[in-house]
Amino acid sequence: MPESADDSGYDDAQPLTLPELAHALALAPDWVIEHVRAGLVEGVGVSTRASPSEWRFEAVVVRRLRSMRHTEQCYDAAPELAALVADLEEEIAALRRRLARAPR
């Protein structure tokens, strides 16, 4: 499997289906659906009209949902707080990449 830029282990070029994403996370698809419908996770083709079977997710979503699940379980956090933590982790990672590319 090609290496992804986000260390999720999944190919960025090949979006994941809902069952593939749930399997990668060892979670029930309903957990993912709940978080998508709450607006905490974005996917390709995700809309109020689209069936979950039509949804596709980029590899970066694997890392985001792992972080959210960890925060929810370890700290008994609400899903919205877990999503905020994931947002902050993503922002920190982006800033570190930017800093690494900056001339010294």
PDB file of N, CA and C in Angstrom:
ATOM      1  N   MET A   1       0.841  -1.170   0.000  1.00  0.00           N
ATOM      2  CA  MET A   1       0.000   0.000   0.000  1.00  0.00           C
ATOM      3  C   MET A   1       0.887   1.234   0.000  1.00  0.00           C
ATOM      4  N   PRO A   2       0.661   2.203  -0.877  1.00  0.00           N
ATOM      5  CA  PRO A   2       1.496   3.388  -0.915  1.00  0.00           C
ATOM      6  C   PRO A   2       1.400   4.171   0.390  1.00  0.00           C
ATOM      7  N   GLU A   3       2.492   4.781   0.743  1.00  0.00           N
ATOM      8  CA  GLU A   3       2.527   5.530   1.989  1.00  0.00           C
ATOM      9  C   GLU A   3       1.820   6.861   1.809  1.00  0.00           C
ATOM     10  N   SER A   4       1.069   7.265   2.801  1.00  0.00           N
ATOM     11  CA  SER A   4       0.366   8.540   2.729  1.00  0.00           C
ATOM     12  C   SER A   4       1.160   9.609   3.458  1.00  0.00           C
ATOM     13  N   ALA A   5       0.844  10.838   3.135  1.00  0.00           N
ATOM     14  CA  ALA A   5       1.536  11.962   3.759  1.00  0.00           C
ATOM     15  C   ALA A   5       1.127  12.147   5.210  1.00  0.00           C
ATOM     16  N   ASP A   6       0.038  11.531   5.623  1.00  0.00           N
ATOM     17  CA  ASP A   6      -0.463  11.763   6.978  1.00  0.00           C
ATOM     18  C   ASP A   6      -0.182  10.618   7.937  1.00  0.00           C
ATOM     19  N   ASP A   7       0.600   9.638   7.541  1.00  0.00           N
ATOM     20  CA  ASP A   7       0.973   8.508   8.387  1.00  0.00           C
ATOM     21  C   ASP A   7      -0.196   7.606   8.763  1.00  0.00           C
ATOM     22  N   SER A   8      -1.304   7.688   8.040  1.00  0.00           N
ATOM     23  CA  SER A   8      -2.432   6.810   8.344  1.00  0.00           C
ATOM     24  C   SER A   8      -2.204   5.417   7.790  1.00  0.00           C
ATOM     25  N   GLY A   9      -1.274   5.297   6.835  1.00  0.00           N
ATOM     26  CA  GLY A   9      -1.011   4.007   6.218  1.00  0.00           C
ATOM     27  C   GLY A   9      -1.890   3.737   5.015  1.00  0.00           C
ATOM     28  N   TYR A  10      -2.729   4.698   4.654  1.00  0.00           N
ATOM     29  CA  TYR A  10      -3.626   4.527   3.519  1.00  0.00           C
ATOM     30  C   TYR A  10      -3.225   5.442   2.391  1.00  0.00           C
ATOM     31  N   ASP A  11      -3.535   5.010   1.184  1.00  0.00           N
ATOM     32  CA  ASP A  11      -3.185   5.730  -0.033  1.00  0.00           C
ATOM     33  C   ASP A  11      -4.083   6.956  -0.185  1.00  0.00           C
ATOM     34  N   ASP A  12      -3.471   8.123  -0.269  1.00  0.00           N
ATOM     35  CA  ASP A  12      -4.229   9.358  -0.424  1.00  0.00           C
ATOM     36  C   ASP A  12      -5.000   9.414  -1.738  1.00  0.00           C
ATOM     37  N   ALA A  13      -4.524   8.718  -2.747  1.00  0.00           N
ATOM     38  CA  ALA A  13      -5.151   8.778  -4.068  1.00  0.00           C
ATOM     39  C   ALA A  13      -6.423   7.941  -4.152  1.00  0.00           C
ATOM     40  N   GLN A  14      -6.613   7.012  -3.238  1.00  0.00           N
ATOM     41  CA  GLN A  14      -7.767   6.107  -3.286  1.00  0.00           C
ATOM     42  C   GLN A  14      -8.672   6.363  -2.083  1.00  0.00           C
ATOM     43  N   PRO A  15      -9.784   7.083  -2.282  1.00  0.00           N
ATOM     44  CA  PRO A  15     -10.687   7.336  -1.159  1.00  0.00           C
ATOM     45  C   PRO A  15     -11.248   6.041  -0.572  1.00  0.00           C
ATOM     46  N   LEU A  16     -11.523   6.078   0.721  1.00  0.00           N
ATOM     47  CA  LEU A  16     -12.061   4.919   1.431  1.00  0.00           C
ATOM     48  C   LEU A  16     -13.585   4.980   1.462  1.00  0.00           C
ATOM     49  N   THR A  17     -14.212   3.827   1.380  1.00  0.00           N
ATOM     50  CA  THR A  17     -15.655   3.739   1.569  1.00  0.00           C
ATOM     51  C   THR A  17     -15.941   3.733   3.061  1.00  0.00           C
ATOM     52  N   LEU A  18     -17.195   3.870   3.429  1.00  0.00           N
ATOM     53  CA  LEU A  18     -17.569   3.825   4.843  1.00  0.00           C
ATOM     54  C   LEU A  18     -17.160   2.504   5.497  1.00  0.00           C
ATOM     55  N   PRO A  19     -17.459   1.345   4.883  1.00  0.00           N
ATOM     56  CA  PRO A  19     -17.019   0.087   5.510  1.00  0.00           C
ATOM     57  C   PRO A  19     -15.498  -0.015   5.645  1.00  0.00           C
ATOM     58  N   GLU A  20     -14.757   0.463   4.649  1.00  0.00           N
ATOM     59  CA  GLU A  20     -13.295   0.429   4.726  1.00  0.00           C
ATOM     60  C   GLU A  20     -12.787   1.326   5.851  1.00  0.00           C
ATOM     61  N   LEU A  21     -13.389   2.499   5.977  1.00  0.00           N
ATOM     62  CA  LEU A  21     -12.988   3.426   7.040  1.00  0.00           C
ATOM     63  C   LEU A  21     -13.304   2.832   8.413  1.00  0.00           C
ATOM     64  N   ALA A  22     -14.497   2.294   8.566  1.00  0.00           N
ATOM     65  CA  ALA A  22     -14.877   1.685   9.844  1.00  0.00           C
ATOM     66  C   ALA A  22     -13.948   0.524  10.181  1.00  0.00           C
ATOM     67  N   HIS A  23     -13.610  -0.282   9.188  1.00  0.00           N
ATOM     68  CA  HIS A  23     -12.693  -1.412   9.405  1.00  0.00           C
ATOM     69  C   HIS A  23     -11.307  -0.912   9.820  1.00  0.00           C
ATOM     70  N   ALA A  24     -10.822   0.128   9.154  1.00  0.00           N
ATOM     71  CA  ALA A  24      -9.498   0.681   9.480  1.00  0.00           C
ATOM     72  C   ALA A  24      -9.446   1.185  10.914  1.00  0.00           C
ATOM     73  N   LEU A  25     -10.579   1.623  11.416  1.00  0.00           N
ATOM     74  CA  LEU A  25     -10.650   2.168  12.767  1.00  0.00           C
ATOM     75  C   LEU A  25     -11.095   1.144  13.803  1.00  0.00           C
ATOM     76  N   ALA A  26     -11.477  -0.050  13.330  1.00  0.00           N
ATOM     77  CA  ALA A  26     -12.029  -1.100  14.198  1.00  0.00           C
ATOM     78  C   ALA A  26     -13.242  -0.575  14.962  1.00  0.00           C
ATOM     79  N   LEU A  27     -14.090   0.133  14.234  1.00  0.00           N
ATOM     80  CA  LEU A  27     -15.304   0.710  14.806  1.00  0.00           C
ATOM     81  C   LEU A  27     -16.510   0.302  13.984  1.00  0.00           C
ATOM     82  N   ALA A  28     -17.672   0.411  14.579  1.00  0.00           N
ATOM     83  CA  ALA A  28     -18.909   0.167  13.851  1.00  0.00           C
ATOM     84  C   ALA A  28     -19.159   1.338  12.894  1.00  0.00           C
ATOM     85  N   PRO A  29     -19.657   1.058  11.709  1.00  0.00           N
ATOM     86  CA  PRO A  29     -19.977   2.148  10.777  1.00  0.00           C
ATOM     87  C   PRO A  29     -20.919   3.191  11.385  1.00  0.00           C
ATOM     88  N   ASP A  30     -21.799   2.774  12.298  1.00  0.00           N
ATOM     89  CA  ASP A  30     -22.735   3.716  12.918  1.00  0.00           C
ATOM     90  C   ASP A  30     -22.011   4.830  13.680  1.00  0.00           C
ATOM     91  N   TRP A  31     -20.875   4.500  14.297  1.00  0.00           N
ATOM     92  CA  TRP A  31     -20.098   5.519  15.010  1.00  0.00           C
ATOM     93  C   TRP A  31     -19.610   6.576  14.025  1.00  0.00           C
ATOM     94  N   VAL A  32     -19.117   6.122  12.873  1.00  0.00           N
ATOM     95  CA  VAL A  32     -18.633   7.052  11.845  1.00  0.00           C
ATOM     96  C   VAL A  32     -19.798   7.877  11.309  1.00  0.00           C
ATOM     97  N   ILE A  33     -20.919   7.224  11.000  1.00  0.00           N
ATOM     98  CA  ILE A  33     -22.094   7.929  10.472  1.00  0.00           C
ATOM     99  C   ILE A  33     -22.544   9.017  11.436  1.00  0.00           C
ATOM    100  N   GLU A  34     -22.581   8.694  12.724  1.00  0.00           N
ATOM    101  CA  GLU A  34     -22.988   9.668  13.743  1.00  0.00           C
ATOM    102  C   GLU A  34     -22.096  10.908  13.722  1.00  0.00           C
ATOM    103  N   HIS A  35     -20.792  10.708  13.602  1.00  0.00           N
ATOM    104  CA  HIS A  35     -19.849  11.825  13.605  1.00  0.00           C
ATOM    105  C   HIS A  35     -19.906  12.619  12.300  1.00  0.00           C
ATOM    106  N   VAL A  36     -20.150  11.935  11.205  1.00  0.00           N
ATOM    107  CA  VAL A  36     -20.298  12.643   9.918  1.00  0.00           C
ATOM    108  C   VAL A  36     -21.562  13.491   9.942  1.00  0.00           C
ATOM    109  N   ARG A  37     -22.655  12.899  10.360  1.00  0.00           N
ATOM    110  CA  ARG A  37     -23.938  13.631  10.379  1.00  0.00           C
ATOM    111  C   ARG A  37     -23.930  14.791  11.370  1.00  0.00           C
ATOM    112  N   ALA A  38     -23.096  14.706  12.385  1.00  0.00           N
ATOM    113  CA  ALA A  38     -22.961  15.804  13.350  1.00  0.00           C
ATOM    114  C   ALA A  38     -22.076  16.922  12.797  1.00  0.00           C
ATOM    115  N   GLY A  39     -21.484  16.694  11.611  1.00  0.00           N
ATOM    116  CA  GLY A  39     -20.636  17.705  10.991  1.00  0.00           C
ATOM    117  C   GLY A  39     -19.223  17.741  11.530  1.00  0.00           C
ATOM    118  N   LEU A  40     -18.795  16.681  12.217  1.00  0.00           N
ATOM    119  CA  LEU A  40     -17.472  16.650  12.833  1.00  0.00           C
ATOM    120  C   LEU A  40     -16.407  16.063  11.914  1.00  0.00           C
ATOM    121  N   VAL A  41     -16.846  15.421  10.842  1.00  0.00           N
ATOM    122  CA  VAL A  41     -15.942  14.791   9.876  1.00  0.00           C
ATOM    123  C   VAL A  41     -16.483  15.071   8.482  1.00  0.00           C
ATOM    124  N   GLU A  42     -15.587  15.389   7.571  1.00  0.00           N
ATOM    125  CA  GLU A  42     -15.997  15.639   6.198  1.00  0.00           C
ATOM    126  C   GLU A  42     -15.547  14.504   5.303  1.00  0.00           C
ATOM    127  N   GLY A  43     -16.335  14.293   4.279  1.00  0.00           N
ATOM    128  CA  GLY A  43     -15.998  13.281   3.293  1.00  0.00           C
ATOM    129  C   GLY A  43     -16.366  13.763   1.904  1.00  0.00           C
ATOM    130  N   VAL A  44     -15.968  13.005   0.909  1.00  0.00           N
ATOM    131  CA  VAL A  44     -16.286  13.314  -0.484  1.00  0.00           C
ATOM    132  C   VAL A  44     -17.666  12.746  -0.775  1.00  0.00           C
ATOM    133  N   GLY A  45     -18.564  13.566  -1.288  1.00  0.00           N
ATOM    134  CA  GLY A  45     -19.902  13.100  -1.611  1.00  0.00           C
ATOM    135  C   GLY A  45     -20.816  12.996  -0.416  1.00  0.00           C
ATOM    136  N   VAL A  46     -20.388  13.537   0.716  1.00  0.00           N
ATOM    137  CA  VAL A  46     -21.212  13.492   1.918  1.00  0.00           C
ATOM    138  C   VAL A  46     -22.193  14.659   1.853  1.00  0.00           C
ATOM    139  N   SER A  47     -23.468  14.337   1.871  1.00  0.00           N
ATOM    140  CA  SER A  47     -24.514  15.359   1.901  1.00  0.00           C
ATOM    141  C   SER A  47     -25.742  14.763   2.569  1.00  0.00           C
ATOM    142  N   THR A  48     -26.724  15.616   2.817  1.00  0.00           N
ATOM    143  CA  THR A  48     -27.949  15.142   3.446  1.00  0.00           C
ATOM    144  C   THR A  48     -28.717  14.218   2.515  1.00  0.00           C
ATOM    145  N   ARG A  49     -28.496  14.344   1.217  1.00  0.00           N
ATOM    146  CA  ARG A  49     -29.206  13.510   0.243  1.00  0.00           C
ATOM    147  C   ARG A  49     -28.468  12.214  -0.072  1.00  0.00           C
ATOM    148  N   ALA A  50     -27.168  12.210   0.112  1.00  0.00           N
ATOM    149  CA  ALA A  50     -26.367  11.032  -0.252  1.00  0.00           C
ATOM    150  C   ALA A  50     -26.505   9.938   0.796  1.00  0.00           C
ATOM    151  N   SER A  51     -26.569   8.732   0.327  1.00  0.00           N
ATOM    152  CA  SER A  51     -26.591   7.562   1.206  1.00  0.00           C
ATOM    153  C   SER A  51     -25.186   7.330   1.744  1.00  0.00           C
ATOM    154  N   PRO A  52     -25.056   6.860   2.985  1.00  0.00           N
ATOM    155  CA  PRO A  52     -23.715   6.557   3.504  1.00  0.00           C
ATOM    156  C   PRO A  52     -22.925   5.603   2.600  1.00  0.00           C
ATOM    157  N   SER A  53     -23.593   4.770   1.849  1.00  0.00           N
ATOM    158  CA  SER A  53     -22.873   3.864   0.944  1.00  0.00           C
ATOM    159  C   SER A  53     -22.195   4.618  -0.192  1.00  0.00           C
ATOM    160  N   GLU A  54     -22.593   5.868  -0.430  1.00  0.00           N
ATOM    161  CA  GLU A  54     -21.980   6.692  -1.475  1.00  0.00           C
ATOM    162  C   GLU A  54     -20.831   7.546  -0.952  1.00  0.00           C
ATOM    163  N   TRP A  55     -20.701   7.656   0.351  1.00  0.00           N
ATOM    164  CA  TRP A  55     -19.670   8.497   0.942  1.00  0.00           C
ATOM    165  C   TRP A  55     -18.281   7.930   0.678  1.00  0.00           C
ATOM    166  N   ARG A  56     -17.309   8.811   0.525  1.00  0.00           N
ATOM    167  CA  ARG A  56     -15.908   8.441   0.380  1.00  0.00           C
ATOM    168  C   ARG A  56     -15.095   9.363   1.287  1.00  0.00           C
ATOM    169  N   PHE A  57     -13.993   8.827   1.796  1.00  0.00           N
ATOM    170  CA  PHE A  57     -13.180   9.570   2.752  1.00  0.00           C
ATOM    171  C   PHE A  57     -11.714   9.531   2.351  1.00  0.00           C
ATOM    172  N   GLU A  58     -11.043  10.664   2.496  1.00  0.00           N
ATOM    173  CA  GLU A  58      -9.611  10.731   2.241  1.00  0.00           C
ATOM    174  C   GLU A  58      -8.876  10.065   3.398  1.00  0.00           C
ATOM    175  N   ALA A  59      -7.662   9.645   3.142  1.00  0.00           N
ATOM    176  CA  ALA A  59      -6.869   8.936   4.150  1.00  0.00           C
ATOM    177  C   ALA A  59      -6.665   9.764   5.414  1.00  0.00           C
ATOM    178  N   VAL A  60      -6.600  11.075   5.294  1.00  0.00           N
ATOM    179  CA  VAL A  60      -6.382  11.930   6.463  1.00  0.00           C
ATOM    180  C   VAL A  60      -7.512  11.777   7.481  1.00  0.00           C
ATOM    181  N   VAL A  61      -8.691  11.348   7.041  1.00  0.00           N
ATOM    182  CA  VAL A  61      -9.821  11.158   7.952  1.00  0.00           C
ATOM    183  C   VAL A  61      -9.540  10.010   8.925  1.00  0.00           C
ATOM    184  N   VAL A  62      -8.736   9.036   8.517  1.00  0.00           N
ATOM    185  CA  VAL A  62      -8.393   7.925   9.413  1.00  0.00           C
ATOM    186  C   VAL A  62      -7.695   8.477  10.649  1.00  0.00           C
ATOM    187  N   ARG A  63      -6.718   9.316  10.434  1.00  0.00           N
ATOM    188  CA  ARG A  63      -5.986   9.901  11.564  1.00  0.00           C
ATOM    189  C   ARG A  63      -6.912  10.763  12.425  1.00  0.00           C
ATOM    190  N   ARG A  64      -7.738  11.568  11.794  1.00  0.00           N
ATOM    191  CA  ARG A  64      -8.655  12.446  12.522  1.00  0.00           C
ATOM    192  C   ARG A  64      -9.603  11.637  13.412  1.00  0.00           C
ATOM    193  N   LEU A  65     -10.203  10.594  12.847  1.00  0.00           N
ATOM    194  CA  LEU A  65     -11.145   9.797  13.625  1.00  0.00           C
ATOM    195  C   LEU A  65     -10.454   8.991  14.712  1.00  0.00           C
ATOM    196  N   ARG A  66      -9.238   8.530  14.470  1.00  0.00           N
ATOM    197  CA  ARG A  66      -8.486   7.846  15.535  1.00  0.00           C
ATOM    198  C   ARG A  66      -8.255   8.792  16.704  1.00  0.00           C
ATOM    199  N   SER A  67      -7.884  10.018  16.385  1.00  0.00           N
ATOM    200  CA  SER A  67      -7.662  11.018  17.426  1.00  0.00           C
ATOM    201  C   SER A  67      -8.948  11.289  18.189  1.00  0.00           C
ATOM    202  N   MET A  68     -10.043  11.452  17.460  1.00  0.00           N
ATOM    203  CA  MET A  68     -11.324  11.735  18.101  1.00  0.00           C
ATOM    204  C   MET A  68     -11.760  10.581  18.993  1.00  0.00           C
ATOM    205  N   ARG A  69     -11.625   9.359  18.499  1.00  0.00           N
ATOM    206  CA  ARG A  69     -12.009   8.193  19.296  1.00  0.00           C
ATOM    207  C   ARG A  69     -11.175   8.125  20.575  1.00  0.00           C
ATOM    208  N   HIS A  70      -9.864   8.356  20.445  1.00  0.00           N
ATOM    209  CA  HIS A  70      -8.968   8.338  21.609  1.00  0.00           C
ATOM    210  C   HIS A  70      -9.392   9.390  22.639  1.00  0.00           C
ATOM    211  N   THR A  71      -9.638  10.592  22.183  1.00  0.00           N
ATOM    212  CA  THR A  71     -10.031  11.670  23.097  1.00  0.00           C
ATOM    213  C   THR A  71     -11.360  11.366  23.770  1.00  0.00           C
ATOM    214  N   GLU A  72     -12.322  10.860  23.000  1.00  0.00           N
ATOM    215  CA  GLU A  72     -13.628  10.517  23.572  1.00  0.00           C
ATOM    216  C   GLU A  72     -13.498   9.423  24.628  1.00  0.00           C
ATOM    217  N   GLN A  73     -12.717   8.379  24.316  1.00  0.00           N
ATOM    218  CA  GLN A  73     -12.609   7.239  25.229  1.00  0.00           C
ATOM    219  C   GLN A  73     -11.754   7.540  26.453  1.00  0.00           C
ATOM    220  N   CYS A  74     -10.605   8.116  26.244  1.00  0.00           N
ATOM    221  CA  CYS A  74      -9.673   8.329  27.357  1.00  0.00           C
ATOM    222  C   CYS A  74     -10.107   9.433  28.309  1.00  0.00           C
ATOM    223  N   TYR A  75     -10.745  10.456  27.778  1.00  0.00           N
ATOM    224  CA  TYR A  75     -11.093  11.609  28.595  1.00  0.00           C
ATOM    225  C   TYR A  75     -12.600  11.785  28.763  1.00  0.00           C
ATOM    226  N   ASP A  76     -13.357  10.798  28.292  1.00  0.00           N
ATOM    227  CA  ASP A  76     -14.817  10.868  28.364  1.00  0.00           C
ATOM    228  C   ASP A  76     -15.313  12.199  27.800  1.00  0.00           C
ATOM    229  N   ALA A  77     -14.711  12.587  26.697  1.00  0.00           N
ATOM    230  CA  ALA A  77     -15.007  13.879  26.079  1.00  0.00           C
ATOM    231  C   ALA A  77     -16.203  13.777  25.138  1.00  0.00           C
ATOM    232  N   ALA A  78     -16.909  14.867  25.018  1.00  0.00           N
ATOM    233  CA  ALA A  78     -18.004  14.964  24.049  1.00  0.00           C
ATOM    234  C   ALA A  78     -17.407  14.929  22.638  1.00  0.00           C
ATOM    235  N   PRO A  79     -18.137  14.424  21.659  1.00  0.00           N
ATOM    236  CA  PRO A  79     -17.624  14.373  20.284  1.00  0.00           C
ATOM    237  C   PRO A  79     -17.168  15.733  19.759  1.00  0.00           C
ATOM    238  N   GLU A  80     -17.866  16.794  20.127  1.00  0.00           N
ATOM    239  CA  GLU A  80     -17.481  18.132  19.659  1.00  0.00           C
ATOM    240  C   GLU A  80     -16.124  18.550  20.213  1.00  0.00           C
ATOM    241  N   LEU A  81     -15.856  18.217  21.464  1.00  0.00           N
ATOM    242  CA  LEU A  81     -14.549  18.521  22.061  1.00  0.00           C
ATOM    243  C   LEU A  81     -13.465  17.682  21.390  1.00  0.00           C
ATOM    244  N   ALA A  82     -13.763  16.421  21.137  1.00  0.00           N
ATOM    245  CA  ALA A  82     -12.796  15.550  20.461  1.00  0.00           C
ATOM    246  C   ALA A  82     -12.464  16.081  19.071  1.00  0.00           C
ATOM    247  N   ALA A  83     -13.467  16.619  18.374  1.00  0.00           N
ATOM    248  CA  ALA A  83     -13.231  17.196  17.049  1.00  0.00           C
ATOM    249  C   ALA A  83     -12.350  18.440  17.143  1.00  0.00           C
ATOM    250  N   LEU A  84     -12.567  19.250  18.178  1.00  0.00           N
ATOM    251  CA  LEU A  84     -11.738  20.431  18.386  1.00  0.00           C
ATOM    252  C   LEU A  84     -10.289  20.034  18.652  1.00  0.00           C
ATOM    253  N   VAL A  85     -10.078  19.025  19.460  1.00  0.00           N
ATOM    254  CA  VAL A  85      -8.723  18.530  19.734  1.00  0.00           C
ATOM    255  C   VAL A  85      -8.080  18.062  18.431  1.00  0.00           C
ATOM    256  N   ALA A  86      -8.830  17.321  17.611  1.00  0.00           N
ATOM    257  CA  ALA A  86      -8.298  16.850  16.320  1.00  0.00           C
ATOM    258  C   ALA A  86      -7.949  18.033  15.428  1.00  0.00           C
ATOM    259  N   ASP A  87      -8.790  19.077  15.408  1.00  0.00           N
ATOM    260  CA  ASP A  87      -8.492  20.287  14.628  1.00  0.00           C
ATOM    261  C   ASP A  87      -7.172  20.900  15.076  1.00  0.00           C
ATOM    262  N   LEU A  88      -6.984  21.000  16.380  1.00  0.00           N
ATOM    263  CA  LEU A  88      -5.761  21.599  16.913  1.00  0.00           C
ATOM    264  C   LEU A  88      -4.534  20.754  16.585  1.00  0.00           C
ATOM    265  N   GLU A  89      -4.676  19.425  16.664  1.00  0.00           N
ATOM    266  CA  GLU A  89      -3.562  18.544  16.299  1.00  0.00           C
ATOM    267  C   GLU A  89      -3.192  18.717  14.831  1.00  0.00           C
ATOM    268  N   GLU A  90      -4.199  18.839  13.967  1.00  0.00           N
ATOM    269  CA  GLU A  90      -3.950  19.041  12.537  1.00  0.00           C
ATOM    270  C   GLU A  90      -3.254  20.373  12.296  1.00  0.00           C
ATOM    271  N   GLU A  91      -3.678  21.404  13.001  1.00  0.00           N
ATOM    272  CA  GLU A  91      -3.064  22.725  12.854  1.00  0.00           C
ATOM    273  C   GLU A  91      -1.618  22.712  13.336  1.00  0.00           C
ATOM    274  N   ILE A  92      -1.351  22.060  14.446  1.00  0.00           N
ATOM    275  CA  ILE A  92       0.025  21.953  14.949  1.00  0.00           C
ATOM    276  C   ILE A  92       0.899  21.215  13.945  1.00  0.00           C
ATOM    277  N   ALA A  93       0.397  20.123  13.373  1.00  0.00           N
ATOM    278  CA  ALA A  93       1.167  19.362  12.382  1.00  0.00           C
ATOM    279  C   ALA A  93       1.462  20.225  11.153  1.00  0.00           C
ATOM    280  N   ALA A  94       0.478  21.006  10.713  1.00  0.00           N
ATOM    281  CA  ALA A  94       0.684  21.884   9.552  1.00  0.00           C
ATOM    282  C   ALA A  94       1.734  22.958   9.863  1.00  0.00           C
ATOM    283  N   LEU A  95       1.685  23.515  11.051  1.00  0.00           N
ATOM    284  CA  LEU A  95       2.667  24.524  11.443  1.00  0.00           C
ATOM    285  C   LEU A  95       4.069  23.925  11.538  1.00  0.00           C
ATOM    286  N   ARG A  96       4.171  22.708  12.040  1.00  0.00           N
ATOM    287  CA  ARG A  96       5.484  22.050  12.114  1.00  0.00           C
ATOM    288  C   ARG A  96       6.046  21.792  10.724  1.00  0.00           C
ATOM    289  N   ARG A  97       5.177  21.365   9.784  1.00  0.00           N
ATOM    290  CA  ARG A  97       5.649  21.157   8.398  1.00  0.00           C
ATOM    291  C   ARG A  97       6.115  22.463   7.791  1.00  0.00           C
ATOM    292  N   ARG A  98       5.359  23.526   8.047  1.00  0.00           N
ATOM    293  CA  ARG A  98       5.727  24.848   7.522  1.00  0.00           C
ATOM    294  C   ARG A  98       7.050  25.320   8.110  1.00  0.00           C
ATOM    295  N   LEU A  99       7.235  25.101   9.387  1.00  0.00           N
ATOM    296  CA  LEU A  99       8.475  25.484  10.058  1.00  0.00           C
ATOM    297  C   LEU A  99       9.660  24.685   9.509  1.00  0.00           C
ATOM    298  N   ALA A 100       9.442  23.413   9.249  1.00  0.00           N
ATOM    299  CA  ALA A 100      10.514  22.554   8.722  1.00  0.00           C
ATOM    300  C   ALA A 100      10.954  22.996   7.329  1.00  0.00           C
ATOM    301  N   ARG A 101      10.049  23.594   6.570  1.00  0.00           N
ATOM    302  CA  ARG A 101      10.372  24.052   5.211  1.00  0.00           C
ATOM    303  C   ARG A 101      10.971  25.449   5.193  1.00  0.00           C
ATOM    304  N   ALA A 102      10.868  26.155   6.297  1.00  0.00           N
ATOM    305  CA  ALA A 102      11.341  27.552   6.343  1.00  0.00           C
ATOM    306  C   ALA A 102      12.863  27.589   6.276  1.00  0.00           C
ATOM    307  N   PRO A 103      13.383  28.577   5.561  1.00  0.00           N
ATOM    308  CA  PRO A 103      14.850  28.724   5.507  1.00  0.00           C
ATOM    309  C   PRO A 103      15.375  29.061   6.909  1.00  0.00           C
ATOM    310  N   ARG A 104      16.557  28.571   7.175  1.00  0.00           N
ATOM    311  CA  ARG A 104      17.144  28.788   8.507  1.00  0.00           C
ATOM    312  C   ARG A 104      18.213  29.832   8.452  1.00  0.00           C
TER     313      ARG A 104
END
